[in-house]
Amino acid sequence: MYFLVDHENVNNSGYQGVEYLLPEDTIEIFYSESSKNIHNGIFRLIKDSGCDIKICKLTQVRKNALDFYIVCRLGELIGSGYQGNSAIISGDHGFKSVQEYWRNCTKHKRRIGLALSVADAIIAMNEPVSRTGEVKMQMKPAPSSSKRLIKPLQKSAVSTMQQTLMTKEPLSTATIKIFY
């Protein structure tokens, strides 16, 4: 599964469920200078999963610029022949138009997930079913809210995306690519 994370929109809460990433998954994090912090514990879980990690930093601040980056990347991905499921991790309702396009306006129908977190995307896309079941078992209702939450990660130090990538620790089997 391919996860496109709108870090500027969801920040660290969008990474709930990263402990369920598989080596065949890809997570691409889109961020800007104004939203460049990520908990070290979250990044460690992503790296330890063995999935492919890609980082894309916004180069020029404009209205909805990061959203356009995400939509362009999704089009590039599908246009290059990717056949798996994709999910945009964001609370931005404008991405519903992307779902509508791939469902209604092209002969190559695609189901694109839109979720607030990695865990919600796994459940929504139901792939693979065994992982979906595992995530559902770990879900619990949020206090005074109808939204679901994964058990929170322990708090850890916060670092910038670039600092995290520059560490000299081994990256296990994860591949990290930085796009500018």
N, C-alpha and C. Protein backbone atom coordinates (compact mmCIF):
# COMPACT_ATOMS: atom_id res chain seq x y z
N MET A 1 0.85 -1.17 0.00
CA MET A 1 0.00 0.00 0.00
C MET A 1 0.90 1.23 0.00
N TYR A 2 0.44 2.30 -0.62
CA TYR A 2 1.20 3.54 -0.72
C TYR A 2 0.48 4.62 0.10
N PHE A 3 1.16 5.17 1.10
CA PHE A 3 0.61 6.19 1.97
C PHE A 3 1.25 7.53 1.64
N LEU A 4 0.44 8.55 1.33
CA LEU A 4 0.92 9.90 1.05
C LEU A 4 0.47 10.77 2.23
N VAL A 5 1.42 11.20 3.05
CA VAL A 5 1.09 11.89 4.30
C VAL A 5 1.23 13.41 4.14
N ASP A 6 0.14 14.11 4.38
CA ASP A 6 0.10 15.56 4.41
C ASP A 6 0.50 15.99 5.82
N HIS A 7 1.81 15.97 6.09
CA HIS A 7 2.30 16.23 7.44
C HIS A 7 1.88 17.60 7.95
N GLU A 8 1.82 18.56 7.07
CA GLU A 8 1.41 19.92 7.44
C GLU A 8 0.00 19.92 8.02
N ASN A 9 -0.85 19.01 7.56
CA ASN A 9 -2.24 18.95 7.99
C ASN A 9 -2.44 18.06 9.21
N VAL A 10 -1.81 16.87 9.23
CA VAL A 10 -2.07 15.92 10.31
C VAL A 10 -1.01 15.90 11.40
N ASN A 11 0.17 16.45 11.11
CA ASN A 11 1.27 16.43 12.06
C ASN A 11 1.50 15.01 12.59
N ASN A 12 1.88 14.88 13.85
CA ASN A 12 2.23 13.56 14.39
C ASN A 12 1.04 12.62 14.55
N SER A 13 -0.17 13.15 14.68
CA SER A 13 -1.35 12.29 14.85
C SER A 13 -1.63 11.44 13.61
N GLY A 14 -1.19 11.88 12.45
CA GLY A 14 -1.42 11.13 11.23
C GLY A 14 -0.64 9.82 11.16
N TYR A 15 0.33 9.67 12.05
CA TYR A 15 1.17 8.48 12.04
C TYR A 15 0.68 7.38 12.97
N GLN A 16 -0.50 7.55 13.57
CA GLN A 16 -1.06 6.48 14.39
C GLN A 16 -1.20 5.25 13.51
N GLY A 17 -0.64 4.15 13.94
CA GLY A 17 -0.72 2.90 13.18
C GLY A 17 0.51 2.58 12.36
N VAL A 18 1.57 3.41 12.42
CA VAL A 18 2.77 3.12 11.62
C VAL A 18 3.43 1.81 12.04
N GLU A 19 3.15 1.35 13.24
CA GLU A 19 3.72 0.07 13.67
C GLU A 19 3.17 -1.10 12.86
N TYR A 20 2.13 -0.87 12.04
CA TYR A 20 1.54 -1.90 11.20
C TYR A 20 2.01 -1.82 9.75
N LEU A 21 2.94 -0.92 9.45
CA LEU A 21 3.49 -0.85 8.10
C LEU A 21 4.24 -2.13 7.79
N LEU A 22 4.19 -2.55 6.55
CA LEU A 22 4.86 -3.78 6.09
C LEU A 22 6.01 -3.42 5.16
N PRO A 23 6.97 -4.32 5.00
CA PRO A 23 8.10 -4.04 4.10
C PRO A 23 7.67 -3.70 2.67
N GLU A 24 6.53 -4.19 2.23
CA GLU A 24 6.07 -3.89 0.87
C GLU A 24 5.33 -2.55 0.76
N ASP A 25 5.11 -1.87 1.87
CA ASP A 25 4.45 -0.57 1.88
C ASP A 25 5.45 0.53 1.54
N THR A 26 4.90 1.68 1.13
CA THR A 26 5.68 2.90 0.96
C THR A 26 4.95 4.01 1.69
N ILE A 27 5.70 4.81 2.43
CA ILE A 27 5.12 5.99 3.07
C ILE A 27 5.91 7.19 2.57
N GLU A 28 5.19 8.15 1.99
CA GLU A 28 5.83 9.36 1.48
C GLU A 28 5.30 10.53 2.30
N ILE A 29 6.21 11.24 2.94
CA ILE A 29 5.87 12.32 3.85
C ILE A 29 6.10 13.65 3.14
N PHE A 30 5.04 14.44 3.05
CA PHE A 30 5.11 15.76 2.43
C PHE A 30 5.06 16.80 3.55
N TYR A 31 6.08 17.66 3.60
CA TYR A 31 6.14 18.64 4.68
C TYR A 31 6.67 19.96 4.18
N SER A 32 6.51 20.99 5.03
CA SER A 32 7.01 22.32 4.71
C SER A 32 7.88 22.80 5.86
N GLU A 33 8.52 23.92 5.66
CA GLU A 33 9.37 24.50 6.71
C GLU A 33 8.56 24.77 7.97
N SER A 34 7.28 25.11 7.83
CA SER A 34 6.45 25.41 8.99
C SER A 34 5.96 24.16 9.72
N SER A 35 6.16 22.99 9.13
CA SER A 35 5.71 21.74 9.77
C SER A 35 6.76 20.66 9.57
N LYS A 36 7.93 20.86 10.13
CA LYS A 36 9.03 19.94 9.86
C LYS A 36 9.38 19.04 11.04
N ASN A 37 8.64 19.10 12.14
CA ASN A 37 8.96 18.28 13.30
C ASN A 37 8.18 16.97 13.30
N ILE A 38 8.87 15.91 13.70
CA ILE A 38 8.25 14.59 13.84
C ILE A 38 8.88 13.93 15.06
N HIS A 39 8.08 13.21 15.82
CA HIS A 39 8.60 12.51 16.99
C HIS A 39 9.60 11.44 16.54
N ASN A 40 10.74 11.39 17.21
CA ASN A 40 11.75 10.38 16.88
C ASN A 40 11.17 8.97 16.96
N GLY A 41 10.33 8.72 17.96
CA GLY A 41 9.74 7.39 18.12
C GLY A 41 8.91 6.97 16.92
N ILE A 42 8.21 7.92 16.34
CA ILE A 42 7.40 7.64 15.16
C ILE A 42 8.31 7.29 13.99
N PHE A 43 9.33 8.11 13.78
CA PHE A 43 10.23 7.86 12.66
C PHE A 43 10.96 6.53 12.83
N ARG A 44 11.32 6.19 14.05
CA ARG A 44 11.98 4.90 14.32
C ARG A 44 11.05 3.74 13.96
N LEU A 45 9.78 3.83 14.32
CA LEU A 45 8.82 2.77 13.98
C LEU A 45 8.69 2.62 12.47
N ILE A 46 8.67 3.74 11.77
CA ILE A 46 8.57 3.68 10.31
C ILE A 46 9.80 2.99 9.74
N LYS A 47 10.99 3.41 10.18
CA LYS A 47 12.23 2.81 9.67
C LYS A 47 12.30 1.32 10.01
N ASP A 48 11.90 0.97 11.24
CA ASP A 48 11.98 -0.42 11.66
C ASP A 48 11.01 -1.34 10.92
N SER A 49 9.98 -0.78 10.32
CA SER A 49 9.01 -1.60 9.58
C SER A 49 9.62 -2.19 8.31
N GLY A 50 10.68 -1.56 7.82
CA GLY A 50 11.30 -2.01 6.57
C GLY A 50 10.62 -1.48 5.33
N CYS A 51 9.61 -0.62 5.50
CA CYS A 51 8.92 -0.07 4.33
C CYS A 51 9.81 0.95 3.64
N ASP A 52 9.45 1.29 2.44
CA ASP A 52 10.15 2.33 1.69
C ASP A 52 9.69 3.68 2.22
N ILE A 53 10.62 4.58 2.53
CA ILE A 53 10.30 5.89 3.07
C ILE A 53 10.79 6.94 2.08
N LYS A 54 9.89 7.86 1.75
CA LYS A 54 10.26 8.98 0.89
C LYS A 54 9.86 10.26 1.59
N ILE A 55 10.66 11.28 1.42
CA ILE A 55 10.41 12.57 2.05
C ILE A 55 10.40 13.63 0.95
N CYS A 56 9.38 14.50 0.97
CA CYS A 56 9.30 15.57 -0.01
C CYS A 56 9.03 16.87 0.72
N LYS A 57 9.98 17.81 0.61
CA LYS A 57 9.84 19.11 1.26
C LYS A 57 9.34 20.14 0.25
N LEU A 58 8.35 20.91 0.66
CA LEU A 58 7.83 22.00 -0.15
C LEU A 58 8.93 23.03 -0.36
N THR A 59 9.15 23.43 -1.61
CA THR A 59 10.24 24.37 -1.88
C THR A 59 9.78 25.83 -1.89
N GLN A 60 8.54 26.09 -2.26
CA GLN A 60 8.04 27.46 -2.36
C GLN A 60 6.66 27.53 -1.71
N VAL A 61 6.50 28.36 -0.71
CA VAL A 61 5.23 28.47 0.00
C VAL A 61 4.21 29.22 -0.86
N ARG A 62 3.09 28.56 -1.09
CA ARG A 62 1.94 29.14 -1.79
C ARG A 62 0.69 28.49 -1.22
N LYS A 63 -0.44 29.10 -1.47
CA LYS A 63 -1.70 28.54 -0.99
C LYS A 63 -1.91 27.13 -1.59
N ASN A 64 -2.15 26.16 -0.73
CA ASN A 64 -2.42 24.76 -1.11
C ASN A 64 -1.27 24.09 -1.86
N ALA A 65 -0.08 24.64 -1.79
CA ALA A 65 1.05 24.09 -2.55
C ALA A 65 1.34 22.64 -2.20
N LEU A 66 1.34 22.30 -0.91
CA LEU A 66 1.64 20.93 -0.51
C LEU A 66 0.57 19.96 -1.01
N ASP A 67 -0.67 20.40 -1.04
CA ASP A 67 -1.76 19.58 -1.57
C ASP A 67 -1.52 19.26 -3.05
N PHE A 68 -1.06 20.27 -3.80
CA PHE A 68 -0.76 20.04 -5.21
C PHE A 68 0.40 19.06 -5.38
N TYR A 69 1.40 19.15 -4.52
CA TYR A 69 2.51 18.19 -4.55
C TYR A 69 1.97 16.77 -4.40
N ILE A 70 1.07 16.59 -3.42
CA ILE A 70 0.53 15.25 -3.14
C ILE A 70 -0.27 14.73 -4.33
N VAL A 71 -1.12 15.57 -4.89
CA VAL A 71 -1.94 15.16 -6.03
C VAL A 71 -1.07 14.84 -7.24
N CYS A 72 -0.06 15.66 -7.48
CA CYS A 72 0.86 15.39 -8.60
C CYS A 72 1.58 14.06 -8.39
N ARG A 73 2.03 13.81 -7.18
CA ARG A 73 2.74 12.55 -6.89
C ARG A 73 1.82 11.36 -7.10
N LEU A 74 0.58 11.46 -6.67
CA LEU A 74 -0.37 10.37 -6.87
C LEU A 74 -0.59 10.11 -8.35
N GLY A 75 -0.75 11.17 -9.14
CA GLY A 75 -0.91 11.02 -10.59
C GLY A 75 0.33 10.39 -11.21
N GLU A 76 1.51 10.83 -10.78
CA GLU A 76 2.77 10.26 -11.27
C GLU A 76 2.85 8.77 -10.93
N LEU A 77 2.47 8.44 -9.73
CA LEU A 77 2.52 7.05 -9.26
C LEU A 77 1.61 6.15 -10.10
N ILE A 78 0.37 6.55 -10.25
CA ILE A 78 -0.59 5.76 -11.01
C ILE A 78 -0.22 5.74 -12.49
N GLY A 79 0.23 6.88 -13.00
CA GLY A 79 0.63 6.97 -14.40
C GLY A 79 1.83 6.10 -14.74
N SER A 80 2.66 5.83 -13.74
CA SER A 80 3.84 4.97 -13.97
C SER A 80 3.50 3.49 -13.87
N GLY A 81 2.24 3.17 -13.62
CA GLY A 81 1.82 1.78 -13.62
C GLY A 81 1.58 1.15 -12.26
N TYR A 82 1.67 1.92 -11.18
CA TYR A 82 1.43 1.36 -9.85
C TYR A 82 0.01 0.82 -9.79
N GLN A 83 -0.15 -0.43 -9.36
CA GLN A 83 -1.46 -1.08 -9.33
C GLN A 83 -2.04 -1.26 -7.93
N GLY A 84 -1.25 -0.98 -6.91
CA GLY A 84 -1.71 -1.20 -5.53
C GLY A 84 -2.64 -0.10 -5.05
N ASN A 85 -3.08 -0.25 -3.81
CA ASN A 85 -3.94 0.76 -3.20
C ASN A 85 -3.12 1.94 -2.70
N SER A 86 -3.72 3.11 -2.70
CA SER A 86 -3.09 4.34 -2.24
C SER A 86 -4.02 5.03 -1.26
N ALA A 87 -3.43 5.75 -0.31
CA ALA A 87 -4.23 6.52 0.64
C ALA A 87 -3.54 7.84 0.93
N ILE A 88 -4.33 8.89 0.97
CA ILE A 88 -3.83 10.21 1.37
C ILE A 88 -4.18 10.39 2.84
N ILE A 89 -3.17 10.68 3.64
CA ILE A 89 -3.38 10.89 5.07
C ILE A 89 -3.48 12.39 5.30
N SER A 90 -4.71 12.86 5.49
CA SER A 90 -4.95 14.30 5.64
C SER A 90 -6.38 14.52 6.13
N GLY A 91 -6.58 15.64 6.78
CA GLY A 91 -7.92 16.04 7.18
C GLY A 91 -8.51 17.05 6.21
N ASP A 92 -7.80 17.32 5.14
CA ASP A 92 -8.23 18.30 4.14
C ASP A 92 -9.30 17.68 3.25
N HIS A 93 -10.51 18.20 3.32
CA HIS A 93 -11.63 17.64 2.56
C HIS A 93 -11.51 17.90 1.05
N GLY A 94 -10.62 18.78 0.64
CA GLY A 94 -10.40 19.02 -0.78
C GLY A 94 -9.92 17.78 -1.51
N PHE A 95 -9.29 16.86 -0.78
CA PHE A 95 -8.80 15.63 -1.40
C PHE A 95 -9.95 14.69 -1.81
N LYS A 96 -11.17 14.98 -1.37
CA LYS A 96 -12.32 14.17 -1.82
C LYS A 96 -12.49 14.29 -3.33
N SER A 97 -12.07 15.43 -3.88
CA SER A 97 -12.13 15.61 -5.34
C SER A 97 -11.20 14.64 -6.05
N VAL A 98 -10.09 14.32 -5.44
CA VAL A 98 -9.15 13.34 -6.01
C VAL A 98 -9.82 11.97 -6.04
N GLN A 99 -10.48 11.61 -4.94
CA GLN A 99 -11.21 10.34 -4.90
C GLN A 99 -12.27 10.28 -5.99
N GLU A 100 -13.05 11.35 -6.12
CA GLU A 100 -14.11 11.41 -7.12
C GLU A 100 -13.55 11.27 -8.53
N TYR A 101 -12.44 11.94 -8.80
CA TYR A 101 -11.83 11.86 -10.12
C TYR A 101 -11.47 10.41 -10.46
N TRP A 102 -10.75 9.74 -9.58
CA TRP A 102 -10.29 8.38 -9.88
C TRP A 102 -11.43 7.37 -9.87
N ARG A 103 -12.54 7.70 -9.22
CA ARG A 103 -13.70 6.80 -9.20
C ARG A 103 -14.62 7.05 -10.39
N ASN A 104 -14.75 8.32 -10.84
CA ASN A 104 -15.79 8.66 -11.81
C ASN A 104 -15.32 9.21 -13.15
N CYS A 105 -14.13 9.76 -13.23
CA CYS A 105 -13.75 10.54 -14.41
C CYS A 105 -12.64 9.92 -15.25
N THR A 106 -12.29 8.70 -15.01
CA THR A 106 -11.25 8.06 -15.80
C THR A 106 -11.65 6.63 -16.10
N LYS A 107 -11.19 6.12 -17.22
CA LYS A 107 -11.53 4.74 -17.56
C LYS A 107 -10.75 3.75 -16.68
N HIS A 108 -9.66 4.20 -16.06
CA HIS A 108 -8.87 3.37 -15.16
C HIS A 108 -9.32 3.65 -13.72
N LYS A 109 -10.44 3.08 -13.33
CA LYS A 109 -11.02 3.33 -12.01
C LYS A 109 -10.05 2.92 -10.91
N ARG A 110 -9.90 3.79 -9.91
CA ARG A 110 -9.01 3.52 -8.78
C ARG A 110 -9.72 3.93 -7.50
N ARG A 111 -9.50 3.15 -6.48
CA ARG A 111 -10.02 3.48 -5.16
C ARG A 111 -8.88 4.14 -4.38
N ILE A 112 -9.05 5.40 -4.03
CA ILE A 112 -8.06 6.16 -3.29
C ILE A 112 -8.60 6.40 -1.88
N GLY A 113 -7.86 5.99 -0.87
CA GLY A 113 -8.28 6.21 0.51
C GLY A 113 -7.97 7.62 0.96
N LEU A 114 -8.81 8.15 1.82
CA LEU A 114 -8.58 9.44 2.46
C LEU A 114 -8.85 9.23 3.94
N ALA A 115 -7.82 9.41 4.78
CA ALA A 115 -7.95 9.10 6.20
C ALA A 115 -7.13 10.07 7.03
N LEU A 116 -7.46 10.14 8.31
CA LEU A 116 -6.75 11.01 9.24
C LEU A 116 -5.46 10.41 9.77
N SER A 117 -5.30 9.09 9.61
CA SER A 117 -4.09 8.43 10.11
C SER A 117 -3.80 7.19 9.28
N VAL A 118 -2.60 6.68 9.43
CA VAL A 118 -2.21 5.45 8.75
C VAL A 118 -3.15 4.31 9.17
N ALA A 119 -3.46 4.23 10.46
CA ALA A 119 -4.36 3.17 10.94
C ALA A 119 -5.73 3.25 10.28
N ASP A 120 -6.29 4.45 10.20
CA ASP A 120 -7.60 4.62 9.56
C ASP A 120 -7.54 4.23 8.08
N ALA A 121 -6.42 4.53 7.41
CA ALA A 121 -6.28 4.17 6.00
C ALA A 121 -6.21 2.66 5.83
N ILE A 122 -5.48 1.98 6.70
CA ILE A 122 -5.39 0.51 6.62
C ILE A 122 -6.78 -0.10 6.76
N ILE A 123 -7.55 0.41 7.71
CA ILE A 123 -8.91 -0.12 7.91
C ILE A 123 -9.80 0.21 6.71
N ALA A 124 -9.75 1.44 6.24
CA ALA A 124 -10.61 1.85 5.12
C ALA A 124 -10.32 1.06 3.86
N MET A 125 -9.05 0.77 3.60
CA MET A 125 -8.67 0.07 2.37
C MET A 125 -8.73 -1.44 2.53
N ASN A 126 -8.77 -1.93 3.78
CA ASN A 126 -8.92 -3.36 4.08
C ASN A 126 -7.87 -4.21 3.37
N GLU A 127 -6.61 -3.77 3.45
CA GLU A 127 -5.55 -4.52 2.77
C GLU A 127 -4.27 -4.54 3.57
N PRO A 128 -3.64 -5.66 3.76
CA PRO A 128 -4.22 -6.99 3.69
C PRO A 128 -5.19 -7.20 4.85
N VAL A 129 -6.11 -8.12 4.67
CA VAL A 129 -7.18 -8.32 5.64
C VAL A 129 -6.64 -8.66 7.02
N SER A 130 -5.57 -9.47 7.10
CA SER A 130 -5.03 -9.84 8.41
C SER A 130 -4.51 -8.61 9.15
N ARG A 131 -3.85 -7.70 8.44
CA ARG A 131 -3.35 -6.47 9.06
C ARG A 131 -4.53 -5.60 9.49
N THR A 132 -5.55 -5.52 8.67
CA THR A 132 -6.73 -4.72 9.01
C THR A 132 -7.36 -5.21 10.31
N GLY A 133 -7.48 -6.51 10.44
CA GLY A 133 -8.04 -7.09 11.66
C GLY A 133 -7.22 -6.76 12.89
N GLU A 134 -5.91 -6.81 12.74
CA GLU A 134 -5.01 -6.49 13.84
C GLU A 134 -5.16 -5.03 14.27
N VAL A 135 -5.24 -4.12 13.29
CA VAL A 135 -5.41 -2.70 13.60
C VAL A 135 -6.75 -2.46 14.27
N LYS A 136 -7.81 -3.09 13.77
CA LYS A 136 -9.14 -2.92 14.37
C LYS A 136 -9.16 -3.36 15.82
N MET A 137 -8.43 -4.44 16.14
CA MET A 137 -8.40 -4.93 17.52
C MET A 137 -7.72 -3.93 18.45
N GLN A 138 -6.79 -3.15 17.93
CA GLN A 138 -6.06 -2.18 18.75
C GLN A 138 -6.77 -0.84 18.86
N MET A 139 -7.81 -0.65 18.07
CA MET A 139 -8.52 0.64 18.07
C MET A 139 -9.33 0.76 19.36
N LYS A 140 -9.44 1.98 19.84
CA LYS A 140 -10.30 2.25 20.98
C LYS A 140 -10.91 3.63 20.80
N PRO A 141 -12.09 3.87 21.34
CA PRO A 141 -12.72 5.19 21.18
C PRO A 141 -11.90 6.28 21.87
N ALA A 142 -11.85 7.42 21.23
CA ALA A 142 -11.17 8.57 21.82
C ALA A 142 -12.05 9.16 22.91
N PRO A 143 -11.47 9.69 23.98
CA PRO A 143 -12.28 10.31 25.02
C PRO A 143 -13.10 11.48 24.46
N SER A 144 -14.37 11.52 24.83
CA SER A 144 -15.32 12.57 24.43
C SER A 144 -15.29 12.86 22.93
N SER A 145 -15.18 11.81 22.13
CA SER A 145 -15.15 11.99 20.68
C SER A 145 -15.61 10.69 20.03
N SER A 146 -16.12 10.80 18.82
CA SER A 146 -16.51 9.60 18.10
C SER A 146 -15.35 9.07 17.26
N LYS A 147 -14.23 9.79 17.23
CA LYS A 147 -13.08 9.35 16.44
C LYS A 147 -12.36 8.21 17.14
N ARG A 148 -11.69 7.37 16.36
CA ARG A 148 -10.93 6.27 16.91
C ARG A 148 -9.48 6.69 17.11
N LEU A 149 -8.84 6.06 18.06
CA LEU A 149 -7.42 6.31 18.29
C LEU A 149 -6.69 5.00 18.50
N ILE A 150 -5.47 4.93 18.03
CA ILE A 150 -4.59 3.83 18.35
C ILE A 150 -3.96 4.17 19.69
N LYS A 151 -3.55 3.18 20.45
CA LYS A 151 -2.85 3.47 21.69
C LYS A 151 -1.71 4.43 21.38
N PRO A 152 -1.59 5.53 22.13
CA PRO A 152 -0.57 6.53 21.80
C PRO A 152 0.84 6.01 21.98
N LEU A 153 1.75 6.52 21.15
CA LEU A 153 3.16 6.19 21.29
C LEU A 153 3.70 6.90 22.52
N GLN A 154 4.72 6.33 23.12
CA GLN A 154 5.36 7.02 24.23
C GLN A 154 5.97 8.30 23.70
N LYS A 155 5.92 9.34 24.51
CA LYS A 155 6.49 10.62 24.07
C LYS A 155 7.99 10.47 23.95
N SER A 156 8.52 11.06 22.91
CA SER A 156 9.96 11.04 22.69
C SER A 156 10.39 12.40 22.17
N ALA A 157 11.66 12.56 22.03
CA ALA A 157 12.18 13.84 21.55
C ALA A 157 11.66 14.14 20.16
N VAL A 158 11.56 15.41 19.86
CA VAL A 158 11.12 15.84 18.54
C VAL A 158 12.34 16.31 17.76
N SER A 159 12.40 15.94 16.49
CA SER A 159 13.49 16.41 15.64
C SER A 159 12.92 16.84 14.31
N THR A 160 13.72 17.53 13.54
CA THR A 160 13.26 17.90 12.21
C THR A 160 13.42 16.71 11.30
N MET A 161 12.71 16.72 10.20
CA MET A 161 12.81 15.63 9.22
C MET A 161 14.25 15.48 8.76
N GLN A 162 14.89 16.58 8.44
CA GLN A 162 16.25 16.52 7.92
C GLN A 162 17.21 15.97 8.97
N GLN A 163 17.09 16.39 10.24
CA GLN A 163 17.98 15.88 11.28
C GLN A 163 17.79 14.39 11.45
N THR A 164 16.56 13.92 11.40
CA THR A 164 16.29 12.50 11.56
C THR A 164 16.95 11.71 10.44
N LEU A 165 16.92 12.25 9.23
CA LEU A 165 17.52 11.55 8.10
C LEU A 165 19.05 11.57 8.16
N MET A 166 19.60 12.55 8.85
CA MET A 166 21.05 12.69 8.89
C MET A 166 21.70 11.84 9.99
N THR A 167 20.93 11.12 10.80
CA THR A 167 21.52 10.32 11.86
C THR A 167 22.42 9.26 11.28
N LYS A 168 23.40 8.85 12.04
CA LYS A 168 24.35 7.85 11.56
C LYS A 168 23.94 6.44 11.96
N GLU A 169 22.75 6.31 12.56
CA GLU A 169 22.27 4.99 12.95
C GLU A 169 21.89 4.22 11.69
N PRO A 170 22.03 2.88 11.72
CA PRO A 170 21.63 2.10 10.54
C PRO A 170 20.14 2.24 10.27
N LEU A 171 19.78 2.22 9.02
CA LEU A 171 18.38 2.41 8.63
C LEU A 171 17.67 1.11 8.36
N SER A 172 18.14 0.01 8.91
CA SER A 172 17.59 -1.33 8.67
C SER A 172 17.40 -1.50 7.17
N THR A 173 16.24 -1.98 6.75
CA THR A 173 16.03 -2.21 5.32
C THR A 173 15.30 -1.07 4.64
N ALA A 174 15.03 0.00 5.38
CA ALA A 174 14.30 1.12 4.79
C ALA A 174 15.17 1.89 3.80
N THR A 175 14.55 2.35 2.76
CA THR A 175 15.22 3.20 1.80
C THR A 175 14.66 4.59 1.95
N ILE A 176 15.51 5.57 2.12
CA ILE A 176 15.04 6.94 2.28
C ILE A 176 15.50 7.76 1.10
N LYS A 177 14.57 8.42 0.46
CA LYS A 177 14.88 9.28 -0.67
C LYS A 177 14.37 10.66 -0.33
N ILE A 178 15.16 11.68 -0.59
CA ILE A 178 14.73 13.04 -0.33
C ILE A 178 14.55 13.73 -1.68
N PHE A 179 13.38 14.34 -1.87
CA PHE A 179 13.07 15.06 -3.10
C PHE A 179 12.99 16.54 -2.77
N TYR A 180 13.58 17.39 -3.58
CA TYR A 180 13.50 18.84 -3.37
C TYR A 180 12.85 19.49 -4.55
